[in-house]
């Protein structure tokens, strides 16, 4: 299970396009980092559910219907009649970097609180995933801590993806809240610079040692086009990315993380899990829309087979 923001994403169609002037946009697409993550888990055939809030509006029902369609248990999504579903407007500069205008803190997602979390709700949960982007209010941080403590008491495990947008770093207490989650984390899934964001170390190697000393079992660093790195107390691995045509990078990291966590929860070896995760991230960037590239194992096997054949032919 996971918990957090559920929103729609509306995207500019051209690099360099500004939202300070009229222009073409596409969407709405179902989105929100926890929602993308849990959709990918469900697409892999794993039991999955999400705790969250949406407004009683078209944007909210768009998300619920998509998640249900893909196999996610949406019974813990609360529909609020007096609130609106969150949104994100996205533009891309000429280098491909994304810029967001979020409506989350004033949306239905911000109404999520500890009252939405209970032991009966989480009684069958063996793994809980935390997205750092969800920790934008004190009430949500309280809810997240409550959920984690319940799952840990039951003998479950926790994965954590910091997933911090620069637009969110200005939120008071955000960094402290993110750092506190590390104390519960079994699988840590930072992207590049996030590896040193929440520790005192300033180099990658020192950060890895500091994180492992906290009791984290597995660290997987997402490096985009450079693939990923894996670290535990005995091993260091590097897995290359799949070379594919990038259409839209949004959601790739969420799909990568969801696939890795699902594979490990199914008992797959680390190397195979990383390979599937890279394929999942690659497939995500081949589609427009953050949730449009989620995939099942059949899709990922086909992509890996095609990639391996292409690499062999190129060699």
C-alpha atoms as a PDB file:
ATOM      1  CA  UNK A   1       0.000   0.000   0.000  1.00  0.00           C
ATOM      2  CA  UNK A   2       0.894   3.628  -0.335  1.00  0.00           C
ATOM      3  CA  UNK A   3      -0.621   6.952   0.629  1.00  0.00           C
ATOM      4  CA  UNK A   4      -0.573  10.515  -0.623  1.00  0.00           C
ATOM      5  CA  UNK A   5      -1.485  12.934  -3.355  1.00  0.00           C
ATOM      6  CA  UNK A   6      -3.822  11.975  -6.174  1.00  0.00           C
ATOM      7  CA  UNK A   7      -4.108  14.616  -8.874  1.00  0.00           C
ATOM      8  CA  UNK A   8      -4.347  15.322 -12.581  1.00  0.00           C
ATOM      9  CA  UNK A   9      -1.538  16.528 -14.789  1.00  0.00           C
ATOM     10  CA  UNK A  10      -1.949  18.961 -17.670  1.00  0.00           C
ATOM     11  CA  UNK A  11       1.083  19.390 -19.871  1.00  0.00           C
ATOM     12  CA  UNK A  12       2.518  21.852 -22.364  1.00  0.00           C
ATOM     13  CA  UNK A  13       3.023  20.368 -25.825  1.00  0.00           C
ATOM     14  CA  UNK A  14       6.193  22.211 -26.899  1.00  0.00           C
ATOM     15  CA  UNK A  15       9.645  22.646 -25.303  1.00  0.00           C
ATOM     16  CA  UNK A  16      10.123  26.221 -24.148  1.00  0.00           C
ATOM     17  CA  UNK A  17       6.383  26.830 -23.953  1.00  0.00           C
ATOM     18  CA  UNK A  18       5.408  29.215 -21.167  1.00  0.00           C
ATOM     19  CA  UNK A  19       2.250  29.280 -19.091  1.00  0.00           C
ATOM     20  CA  UNK A  20       2.424  33.090 -19.107  1.00  0.00           C
ATOM     21  CA  UNK A  21       0.765  33.056 -22.515  1.00  0.00           C
ATOM     22  CA  UNK A  22      -1.974  30.992 -24.171  1.00  0.00           C
ATOM     23  CA  UNK A  23      -0.716  27.766 -25.722  1.00  0.00           C
ATOM     24  CA  UNK A  24      -1.648  24.190 -26.465  1.00  0.00           C
ATOM     25  CA  UNK A  25      -1.938  21.811 -23.519  1.00  0.00           C
ATOM     26  CA  UNK A  26      -2.724  18.087 -23.274  1.00  0.00           C
ATOM     27  CA  UNK A  27      -4.537  16.286 -20.486  1.00  0.00           C
ATOM     28  CA  UNK A  28      -5.922  15.843 -17.952  1.00  0.00           C
ATOM     29  CA  UNK A  29      -3.947  12.694 -17.142  1.00  0.00           C
ATOM     30  CA  UNK A  30      -4.356  10.735 -13.888  1.00  0.00           C
ATOM     31  CA  UNK A  31      -1.294  11.396 -11.758  1.00  0.00           C
ATOM     32  CA  UNK A  32       0.308  11.920  -8.369  1.00  0.00           C
ATOM     33  CA  UNK A  33       3.531  10.082  -7.527  1.00  0.00           C
ATOM     34  CA  UNK A  34       1.896   7.601  -5.094  1.00  0.00           C
ATOM     35  CA  UNK A  35      -0.907   6.945  -7.593  1.00  0.00           C
ATOM     36  CA  UNK A  36       1.543   6.256 -10.428  1.00  0.00           C
ATOM     37  CA  UNK A  37       3.567   3.991  -8.136  1.00  0.00           C
ATOM     38  CA  UNK A  38       0.607   1.914  -6.990  1.00  0.00           C
ATOM     39  CA  UNK A  39      -0.854   1.689 -10.509  1.00  0.00           C
ATOM     40  CA  UNK A  40       2.415   0.155 -11.694  1.00  0.00           C
ATOM     41  CA  UNK A  41       2.378  -2.318  -8.779  1.00  0.00           C
ATOM     42  CA  UNK A  42      -1.146  -3.411  -9.729  1.00  0.00           C
ATOM     43  CA  UNK A  43      -0.230  -3.716 -13.417  1.00  0.00           C
ATOM     44  CA  UNK A  44       2.358  -6.301 -12.348  1.00  0.00           C
ATOM     45  CA  UNK A  45      -0.430  -8.407 -10.848  1.00  0.00           C
ATOM     46  CA  UNK A  46       0.432  -7.640  -7.220  1.00  0.00           C
ATOM     47  CA  UNK A  47      -2.245  -6.811  -4.650  1.00  0.00           C
ATOM     48  CA  UNK A  48      -2.171  -3.030  -4.221  1.00  0.00           C
ATOM     49  CA  UNK A  49      -4.103  -0.226  -2.557  1.00  0.00           C
ATOM     50  CA  UNK A  50      -3.817   3.506  -1.910  1.00  0.00           C
ATOM     51  CA  UNK A  51      -5.008   5.826   0.855  1.00  0.00           C
ATOM     52  CA  UNK A  52      -5.867   9.313  -0.355  1.00  0.00           C
ATOM     53  CA  UNK A  53      -8.442  12.016  -0.936  1.00  0.00           C
ATOM     54  CA  UNK A  54      -9.950  13.439  -4.127  1.00  0.00           C
ATOM     55  CA  UNK A  55     -12.717  15.900  -4.830  1.00  0.00           C
ATOM     56  CA  UNK A  56     -16.133  14.809  -6.031  1.00  0.00           C
ATOM     57  CA  UNK A  57     -15.320  16.114  -9.500  1.00  0.00           C
ATOM     58  CA  UNK A  58     -14.314  14.819 -12.914  1.00  0.00           C
ATOM     59  CA  UNK A  59     -10.616  14.951 -12.045  1.00  0.00           C
ATOM     60  CA  UNK A  60     -11.153  12.825  -8.952  1.00  0.00           C
ATOM     61  CA  UNK A  61     -13.277  10.227 -10.704  1.00  0.00           C
ATOM     62  CA  UNK A  62     -10.830  10.116 -13.626  1.00  0.00           C
ATOM     63  CA  UNK A  63      -8.181   8.917 -11.174  1.00  0.00           C
ATOM     64  CA  UNK A  64     -10.410   6.468  -9.299  1.00  0.00           C
ATOM     65  CA  UNK A  65     -11.682   4.866 -12.481  1.00  0.00           C
ATOM     66  CA  UNK A  66      -8.179   4.520 -13.950  1.00  0.00           C
ATOM     67  CA  UNK A  67      -6.762   2.987 -10.772  1.00  0.00           C
ATOM     68  CA  UNK A  68      -9.676   0.555 -10.484  1.00  0.00           C
ATOM     69  CA  UNK A  69      -9.320  -0.397 -14.134  1.00  0.00           C
ATOM     70  CA  UNK A  70      -5.669  -1.303 -13.577  1.00  0.00           C
ATOM     71  CA  UNK A  71      -6.417  -3.399 -10.487  1.00  0.00           C
ATOM     72  CA  UNK A  72      -5.775  -1.005  -7.586  1.00  0.00           C
ATOM     73  CA  UNK A  73      -7.980  -1.267  -4.494  1.00  0.00           C
ATOM     74  CA  UNK A  74      -9.464   2.244  -4.261  1.00  0.00           C
ATOM     75  CA  UNK A  75     -11.675   1.617  -1.224  1.00  0.00           C
ATOM     76  CA  UNK A  76      -9.396   3.795   0.952  1.00  0.00           C
ATOM     77  CA  UNK A  77      -9.748   6.815  -1.352  1.00  0.00           C
ATOM     78  CA  UNK A  78     -12.084   9.324   0.285  1.00  0.00           C
ATOM     79  CA  UNK A  79     -14.213  11.453  -2.053  1.00  0.00           C
ATOM     80  CA  UNK A  80     -14.752  14.930  -0.579  1.00  0.00           C
ATOM     81  CA  UNK A  81     -17.709  16.951  -1.788  1.00  0.00           C
ATOM     82  CA  UNK A  82     -16.369  20.238  -0.413  1.00  0.00           C
ATOM     83  CA  UNK A  83     -12.892  20.038  -1.974  1.00  0.00           C
ATOM     84  CA  UNK A  84     -11.379  19.887  -5.446  1.00  0.00           C
ATOM     85  CA  UNK A  85      -8.927  17.336  -6.812  1.00  0.00           C
ATOM     86  CA  UNK A  86      -5.307  18.464  -7.016  1.00  0.00           C
ATOM     87  CA  UNK A  87      -3.602  19.424 -10.254  1.00  0.00           C
ATOM     88  CA  UNK A  88      -0.173  20.005 -11.753  1.00  0.00           C
ATOM     89  CA  UNK A  89       0.576  22.056 -14.853  1.00  0.00           C
ATOM     90  CA  UNK A  90       3.862  21.060 -16.473  1.00  0.00           C
ATOM     91  CA  UNK A  91       6.167  22.875 -18.883  1.00  0.00           C
ATOM     92  CA  UNK A  92       9.469  21.731 -20.386  1.00  0.00           C
ATOM     93  CA  UNK A  93      12.494  23.887 -21.137  1.00  0.00           C
ATOM     94  CA  UNK A  94      14.761  23.305 -24.128  1.00  0.00           C
ATOM     95  CA  UNK A  95      16.926  20.861 -22.164  1.00  0.00           C
ATOM     96  CA  UNK A  96      13.895  18.744 -21.213  1.00  0.00           C
ATOM     97  CA  UNK A  97      13.852  19.850 -17.571  1.00  0.00           C
ATOM     98  CA  UNK A  98      10.328  20.062 -16.179  1.00  0.00           C
ATOM     99  CA  UNK A  99       8.741  22.935 -14.287  1.00  0.00           C
ATOM    100  CA  UNK A 100       5.536  22.510 -12.279  1.00  0.00           C
ATOM    101  CA  UNK A 101       2.703  24.677 -11.045  1.00  0.00           C
ATOM    102  CA  UNK A 102       1.052  22.610  -8.312  1.00  0.00           C
ATOM    103  CA  UNK A 103      -2.358  22.880  -6.693  1.00  0.00           C
ATOM    104  CA  UNK A 104      -1.875  20.305  -3.943  1.00  0.00           C
ATOM    105  CA  UNK A 105      -1.730  22.148  -0.621  1.00  0.00           C
ATOM    106  CA  UNK A 106      -5.176  23.661  -1.285  1.00  0.00           C
ATOM    107  CA  UNK A 107      -6.677  20.509  -2.777  1.00  0.00           C
ATOM    108  CA  UNK A 108      -8.543  17.461  -1.501  1.00  0.00           C
ATOM    109  CA  UNK A 109      -5.194  15.676  -1.076  1.00  0.00           C
ATOM    110  CA  UNK A 110      -4.296  18.096   1.718  1.00  0.00           C
ATOM    111  CA  UNK A 111      -7.314  16.890   3.722  1.00  0.00           C
ATOM    112  CA  UNK A 112      -5.658  13.513   4.229  1.00  0.00           C
ATOM    113  CA  UNK A 113      -5.049  12.967   7.957  1.00  0.00           C
ATOM    114  CA  UNK A 114      -4.366  10.324  10.599  1.00  0.00           C
ATOM    115  CA  UNK A 115      -8.133   9.721  10.838  1.00  0.00           C
ATOM    116  CA  UNK A 116      -7.936   8.051   7.406  1.00  0.00           C
ATOM    117  CA  UNK A 117      -5.417   5.479   8.721  1.00  0.00           C
ATOM    118  CA  UNK A 118      -6.344   2.523  10.940  1.00  0.00           C
ATOM    119  CA  UNK A 119      -5.089  -0.920  11.893  1.00  0.00           C
ATOM    120  CA  UNK A 120      -8.066  -2.694  10.230  1.00  0.00           C
ATOM    121  CA  UNK A 121      -7.336  -0.832   6.987  1.00  0.00           C
ATOM    122  CA  UNK A 122      -3.689  -1.953   7.027  1.00  0.00           C
ATOM    123  CA  UNK A 123      -4.121  -5.408   8.572  1.00  0.00           C
ATOM    124  CA  UNK A 124      -3.175  -7.219   5.343  1.00  0.00           C
ATOM    125  CA  UNK A 125      -0.428  -4.787   4.348  1.00  0.00           C
ATOM    126  CA  UNK A 126       3.009  -6.436   4.249  1.00  0.00           C
ATOM    127  CA  UNK A 127       4.778  -3.530   2.533  1.00  0.00           C
ATOM    128  CA  UNK A 128       4.221   0.225   2.654  1.00  0.00           C
ATOM    129  CA  UNK A 129       5.720   2.754   0.228  1.00  0.00           C
ATOM    130  CA  UNK A 130       6.390   6.409   1.100  1.00  0.00           C
ATOM    131  CA  UNK A 131       6.720   9.182  -1.463  1.00  0.00           C
ATOM    132  CA  UNK A 132       8.523  12.240  -0.129  1.00  0.00           C
ATOM    133  CA  UNK A 133       6.351  14.498  -2.275  1.00  0.00           C
ATOM    134  CA  UNK A 134       3.398  13.512  -0.080  1.00  0.00           C
ATOM    135  CA  UNK A 135       4.878  14.968   3.118  1.00  0.00           C
ATOM    136  CA  UNK A 136       3.807  18.542   2.437  1.00  0.00           C
ATOM    137  CA  UNK A 137       1.664  19.135   5.546  1.00  0.00           C
ATOM    138  CA  UNK A 138       1.884  18.299   9.243  1.00  0.00           C
ATOM    139  CA  UNK A 139      -1.376  16.345   9.180  1.00  0.00           C
ATOM    140  CA  UNK A 140      -0.137  14.154   6.298  1.00  0.00           C
ATOM    141  CA  UNK A 141       3.192  13.594   8.037  1.00  0.00           C
ATOM    142  CA  UNK A 142       1.260  12.442  11.117  1.00  0.00           C
ATOM    143  CA  UNK A 143      -0.840  10.101   8.972  1.00  0.00           C
ATOM    144  CA  UNK A 144       2.243   8.706   7.242  1.00  0.00           C
ATOM    145  CA  UNK A 145       4.017   8.009  10.528  1.00  0.00           C
ATOM    146  CA  UNK A 146       0.908   6.273  11.869  1.00  0.00           C
ATOM    147  CA  UNK A 147       0.680   4.030   8.797  1.00  0.00           C
ATOM    148  CA  UNK A 148       4.382   3.156   8.887  1.00  0.00           C
ATOM    149  CA  UNK A 149       4.278   2.268  12.582  1.00  0.00           C
ATOM    150  CA  UNK A 150       1.265  -0.017  12.049  1.00  0.00           C
ATOM    151  CA  UNK A 151       2.925  -1.857   9.166  1.00  0.00           C
ATOM    152  CA  UNK A 152       6.238  -2.181  11.000  1.00  0.00           C
ATOM    153  CA  UNK A 153       4.483  -3.573  14.097  1.00  0.00           C
ATOM    154  CA  UNK A 154       2.941  -6.235  11.876  1.00  0.00           C
ATOM    155  CA  UNK A 155       6.385  -7.262  10.625  1.00  0.00           C
ATOM    156  CA  UNK A 156       6.028  -5.474   7.296  1.00  0.00           C
ATOM    157  CA  UNK A 157       8.649  -3.525   5.362  1.00  0.00           C
ATOM    158  CA  UNK A 158       8.893   0.057   4.095  1.00  0.00           C
ATOM    159  CA  UNK A 159      10.313   1.580   0.927  1.00  0.00           C
ATOM    160  CA  UNK A 160      10.996   5.299   0.540  1.00  0.00           C
ATOM    161  CA  UNK A 161      11.448   7.471  -2.538  1.00  0.00           C
ATOM    162  CA  UNK A 162      12.324  11.107  -1.608  1.00  0.00           C
ATOM    163  CA  UNK A 163      10.853  12.304  -4.945  1.00  0.00           C
ATOM    164  CA  UNK A 164      11.415  15.952  -4.110  1.00  0.00           C
ATOM    165  CA  UNK A 165      10.553  18.667  -6.601  1.00  0.00           C
ATOM    166  CA  UNK A 166      12.448  21.930  -6.236  1.00  0.00           C
ATOM    167  CA  UNK A 167       9.053  23.618  -5.928  1.00  0.00           C
ATOM    168  CA  UNK A 168       8.493  21.747  -2.628  1.00  0.00           C
ATOM    169  CA  UNK A 169      11.800  22.300  -0.850  1.00  0.00           C
ATOM    170  CA  UNK A 170      10.590  25.650   0.468  1.00  0.00           C
ATOM    171  CA  UNK A 171       7.857  23.996   2.555  1.00  0.00           C
ATOM    172  CA  UNK A 172       8.745  24.362   6.260  1.00  0.00           C
ATOM    173  CA  UNK A 173       9.865  21.147   7.995  1.00  0.00           C
ATOM    174  CA  UNK A 174       9.947  19.201   4.698  1.00  0.00           C
ATOM    175  CA  UNK A 175      13.615  18.219   4.981  1.00  0.00           C
ATOM    176  CA  UNK A 176      13.239  17.155   8.620  1.00  0.00           C
ATOM    177  CA  UNK A 177      10.157  15.067   7.793  1.00  0.00           C
ATOM    178  CA  UNK A 178      11.978  13.339   4.941  1.00  0.00           C
ATOM    179  CA  UNK A 179      14.990  12.555   7.114  1.00  0.00           C
ATOM    180  CA  UNK A 180      12.806  11.021   9.837  1.00  0.00           C
ATOM    181  CA  UNK A 181      11.373   8.475   7.382  1.00  0.00           C
ATOM    182  CA  UNK A 182      14.868   7.040   6.863  1.00  0.00           C
ATOM    183  CA  UNK A 183      14.719   5.526  10.351  1.00  0.00           C
ATOM    184  CA  UNK A 184      11.889   3.214   9.204  1.00  0.00           C
ATOM    185  CA  UNK A 185      13.180   2.503   5.688  1.00  0.00           C
ATOM    186  CA  UNK A 186      14.157  -0.934   4.376  1.00  0.00           C
ATOM    187  CA  UNK A 187      14.495  -0.011   0.682  1.00  0.00           C
ATOM    188  CA  UNK A 188      15.685   3.509  -0.186  1.00  0.00           C
ATOM    189  CA  UNK A 189      15.172   4.727  -3.769  1.00  0.00           C
ATOM    190  CA  UNK A 190      16.705   8.195  -4.263  1.00  0.00           C
ATOM    191  CA  UNK A 191      17.320   9.902  -7.590  1.00  0.00           C
ATOM    192  CA  UNK A 192      20.869  11.163  -8.156  1.00  0.00           C
ATOM    193  CA  UNK A 193      21.442  14.198  -5.886  1.00  0.00           C
ATOM    194  CA  UNK A 194      18.805  12.982  -3.401  1.00  0.00           C
ATOM    195  CA  UNK A 195      21.348  10.456  -2.126  1.00  0.00           C
ATOM    196  CA  UNK A 196      23.094  13.152  -0.068  1.00  0.00           C
ATOM    197  CA  UNK A 197      20.042  15.354   0.542  1.00  0.00           C
ATOM    198  CA  UNK A 198      19.021  13.861   3.878  1.00  0.00           C
ATOM    199  CA  UNK A 199      22.376  12.890   5.445  1.00  0.00           C
ATOM    200  CA  UNK A 200      25.409  14.774   6.695  1.00  0.00           C
ATOM    201  CA  UNK A 201      27.748  13.148   4.136  1.00  0.00           C
ATOM    202  CA  UNK A 202      28.638  15.143   1.039  1.00  0.00           C
ATOM    203  CA  UNK A 203      30.038  12.354  -1.157  1.00  0.00           C
ATOM    204  CA  UNK A 204      28.133   9.417  -2.618  1.00  0.00           C
ATOM    205  CA  UNK A 205      30.259   6.740  -0.960  1.00  0.00           C
ATOM    206  CA  UNK A 206      30.057   8.374   2.462  1.00  0.00           C
ATOM    207  CA  UNK A 207      26.303   8.870   2.069  1.00  0.00           C
ATOM    208  CA  UNK A 208      25.827   5.186   1.243  1.00  0.00           C
ATOM    209  CA  UNK A 209      27.759   4.152   4.338  1.00  0.00           C
ATOM    210  CA  UNK A 210      25.769   6.570   6.513  1.00  0.00           C
ATOM    211  CA  UNK A 211      22.444   5.319   5.132  1.00  0.00           C
ATOM    212  CA  UNK A 212      23.323   1.649   5.541  1.00  0.00           C
ATOM    213  CA  UNK A 213      24.376   2.367   9.132  1.00  0.00           C
ATOM    214  CA  UNK A 214      20.808   3.543   9.801  1.00  0.00           C
ATOM    215  CA  UNK A 215      19.605  -0.004   9.108  1.00  0.00           C
ATOM    216  CA  UNK A 216      18.494   0.458   5.500  1.00  0.00           C
ATOM    217  CA  UNK A 217      18.837  -2.912   3.760  1.00  0.00           C
ATOM    218  CA  UNK A 218      18.911  -1.880   0.088  1.00  0.00           C
ATOM    219  CA  UNK A 219      19.734   1.402  -1.652  1.00  0.00           C
ATOM    220  CA  UNK A 220      18.853   1.809  -5.321  1.00  0.00           C
ATOM    221  CA  UNK A 221      19.986   5.081  -6.884  1.00  0.00           C
ATOM    222  CA  UNK A 222      18.029   6.079  -9.989  1.00  0.00           C
ATOM    223  CA  UNK A 223      20.286   7.763 -12.550  1.00  0.00           C
ATOM    224  CA  UNK A 224      17.994   8.253 -15.535  1.00  0.00           C
ATOM    225  CA  UNK A 225      19.850   7.698 -18.801  1.00  0.00           C
ATOM    226  CA  UNK A 226      22.797   6.278 -16.845  1.00  0.00           C
ATOM    227  CA  UNK A 227      20.710   3.437 -15.417  1.00  0.00           C
ATOM    228  CA  UNK A 228      20.904   2.715 -11.703  1.00  0.00           C
ATOM    229  CA  UNK A 229      23.225   1.725  -8.888  1.00  0.00           C
ATOM    230  CA  UNK A 230      22.548  -0.815  -6.144  1.00  0.00           C
ATOM    231  CA  UNK A 231      24.163  -0.885  -2.704  1.00  0.00           C
ATOM    232  CA  UNK A 232      23.843  -3.045   0.389  1.00  0.00           C
ATOM    233  CA  UNK A 233      26.307  -4.038   3.102  1.00  0.00           C
ATOM    234  CA  UNK A 234      28.028  -6.604   0.889  1.00  0.00           C
ATOM    235  CA  UNK A 235      27.425  -5.636  -2.752  1.00  0.00           C
ATOM    236  CA  UNK A 236      27.683  -2.814  -5.260  1.00  0.00           C
ATOM    237  CA  UNK A 237      25.986  -3.223  -8.650  1.00  0.00           C
ATOM    238  CA  UNK A 238      25.505  -1.001 -11.689  1.00  0.00           C
ATOM    239  CA  UNK A 239      22.814  -1.666 -14.287  1.00  0.00           C
ATOM    240  CA  UNK A 240      22.603   0.330 -17.555  1.00  0.00           C
ATOM    241  CA  UNK A 241      19.436   2.000 -18.739  1.00  0.00           C
ATOM    242  CA  UNK A 242      17.605   0.837 -21.849  1.00  0.00           C
ATOM    243  CA  UNK A 243      18.091   3.196 -24.786  1.00  0.00           C
ATOM    244  CA  UNK A 244      14.620   4.178 -25.999  1.00  0.00           C
ATOM    245  CA  UNK A 245      12.949   7.178 -27.603  1.00  0.00           C
ATOM    246  CA  UNK A 246      12.009   9.588 -24.812  1.00  0.00           C
ATOM    247  CA  UNK A 247       8.579  11.170 -25.197  1.00  0.00           C
ATOM    248  CA  UNK A 248       7.738  12.229 -21.642  1.00  0.00           C
ATOM    249  CA  UNK A 249       9.886  11.508 -18.549  1.00  0.00           C
ATOM    250  CA  UNK A 250       7.122  12.113 -16.002  1.00  0.00           C
ATOM    251  CA  UNK A 251       6.368   9.000 -13.963  1.00  0.00           C
ATOM    252  CA  UNK A 252       9.474   7.054 -15.024  1.00  0.00           C
ATOM    253  CA  UNK A 253      11.040   7.102 -11.561  1.00  0.00           C
ATOM    254  CA  UNK A 254       7.752   6.087  -9.936  1.00  0.00           C
ATOM    255  CA  UNK A 255       7.379   3.139 -12.328  1.00  0.00           C
ATOM    256  CA  UNK A 256      11.010   2.138 -11.777  1.00  0.00           C
ATOM    257  CA  UNK A 257      10.574   2.156  -7.994  1.00  0.00           C
ATOM    258  CA  UNK A 258       7.248   0.315  -8.098  1.00  0.00           C
ATOM    259  CA  UNK A 259       8.665  -2.422 -10.289  1.00  0.00           C
ATOM    260  CA  UNK A 260      11.784  -2.893  -8.187  1.00  0.00           C
ATOM    261  CA  UNK A 261       9.806  -3.050  -4.930  1.00  0.00           C
ATOM    262  CA  UNK A 262       7.243  -5.444  -6.418  1.00  0.00           C
ATOM    263  CA  UNK A 263       9.902  -7.766  -7.804  1.00  0.00           C
ATOM    264  CA  UNK A 264      11.721  -7.882  -4.485  1.00  0.00           C
ATOM    265  CA  UNK A 265       8.464  -8.530  -2.612  1.00  0.00           C
ATOM    266  CA  UNK A 266       7.852 -11.425  -4.999  1.00  0.00           C
ATOM    267  CA  UNK A 267      11.220 -12.882  -4.038  1.00  0.00           C
ATOM    268  CA  UNK A 268      13.108 -12.085  -7.241  1.00  0.00           C
ATOM    269  CA  UNK A 269      16.914 -11.707  -7.064  1.00  0.00           C
ATOM    270  CA  UNK A 270      18.294  -8.166  -6.940  1.00  0.00           C
ATOM    271  CA  UNK A 271      19.824  -8.304 -10.433  1.00  0.00           C
ATOM    272  CA  UNK A 272      16.602  -9.435 -12.084  1.00  0.00           C
ATOM    273  CA  UNK A 273      14.580  -6.886 -10.127  1.00  0.00           C
ATOM    274  CA  UNK A 274      16.886  -4.073 -11.263  1.00  0.00           C
ATOM    275  CA  UNK A 275      16.619  -5.220 -14.859  1.00  0.00           C
ATOM    276  CA  UNK A 276      12.823  -5.177 -14.731  1.00  0.00           C
ATOM    277  CA  UNK A 277      12.897  -1.789 -13.002  1.00  0.00           C
ATOM    278  CA  UNK A 278      15.041  -0.282 -15.768  1.00  0.00           C
ATOM    279  CA  UNK A 279      12.651  -1.679 -18.375  1.00  0.00           C
ATOM    280  CA  UNK A 280       9.691  -0.218 -16.496  1.00  0.00           C
ATOM    281  CA  UNK A 281      11.275   3.234 -16.345  1.00  0.00           C
ATOM    282  CA  UNK A 282      12.153   3.040 -20.042  1.00  0.00           C
ATOM    283  CA  UNK A 283       8.637   2.081 -21.047  1.00  0.00           C
ATOM    284  CA  UNK A 284       7.214   4.936 -19.000  1.00  0.00           C
ATOM    285  CA  UNK A 285       9.150   7.593 -20.930  1.00  0.00           C
ATOM    286  CA  UNK A 286       7.912   6.226 -24.259  1.00  0.00           C
ATOM    287  CA  UNK A 287       4.344   7.440 -23.582  1.00  0.00           C
ATOM    288  CA  UNK A 288       2.813  10.884 -23.080  1.00  0.00           C
ATOM    289  CA  UNK A 289       1.267  11.121 -19.635  1.00  0.00           C
ATOM    290  CA  UNK A 290       2.589  10.059 -16.238  1.00  0.00           C
ATOM    291  CA  UNK A 291       0.521   6.869 -15.892  1.00  0.00           C
ATOM    292  CA  UNK A 292       0.241   5.945 -19.565  1.00  0.00           C
ATOM    293  CA  UNK A 293       3.416   3.874 -19.592  1.00  0.00           C
ATOM    294  CA  UNK A 294       2.651   1.553 -16.677  1.00  0.00           C
ATOM    295  CA  UNK A 295       3.138  -2.047 -17.739  1.00  0.00           C
ATOM    296  CA  UNK A 296       2.759  -5.708 -16.840  1.00  0.00           C
ATOM    297  CA  UNK A 297       5.503  -8.339 -16.877  1.00  0.00           C
ATOM    298  CA  UNK A 298       4.536  -9.426 -20.406  1.00  0.00           C
ATOM    299  CA  UNK A 299       5.137  -5.886 -21.690  1.00  0.00           C
ATOM    300  CA  UNK A 300       8.432  -5.617 -19.831  1.00  0.00           C
ATOM    301  CA  UNK A 301       9.642  -9.009 -21.057  1.00  0.00           C
ATOM    302  CA  UNK A 302       8.862  -7.964 -24.625  1.00  0.00           C
ATOM    303  CA  UNK A 303      10.750  -4.687 -24.212  1.00  0.00           C
ATOM    304  CA  UNK A 304      13.760  -6.418 -22.670  1.00  0.00           C
ATOM    305  CA  UNK A 305      13.821  -9.032 -25.438  1.00  0.00           C
ATOM    306  CA  UNK A 306      13.643  -6.332 -28.114  1.00  0.00           C
ATOM    307  CA  UNK A 307      16.343  -4.285 -26.374  1.00  0.00           C
ATOM    308  CA  UNK A 308      18.655  -7.291 -26.041  1.00  0.00           C
ATOM    309  CA  UNK A 309      18.197  -8.140 -29.721  1.00  0.00           C
ATOM    310  CA  UNK A 310      18.830  -4.507 -30.708  1.00  0.00           C
ATOM    311  CA  UNK A 311      21.984  -4.337 -28.606  1.00  0.00           C
ATOM    312  CA  UNK A 312      23.216  -7.637 -30.063  1.00  0.00           C
ATOM    313  CA  UNK A 313      22.557  -6.393 -33.584  1.00  0.00           C
ATOM    314  CA  UNK A 314      24.306  -3.099 -32.871  1.00  0.00           C
ATOM    315  CA  UNK A 315      27.323  -4.895 -31.434  1.00  0.00           C
END
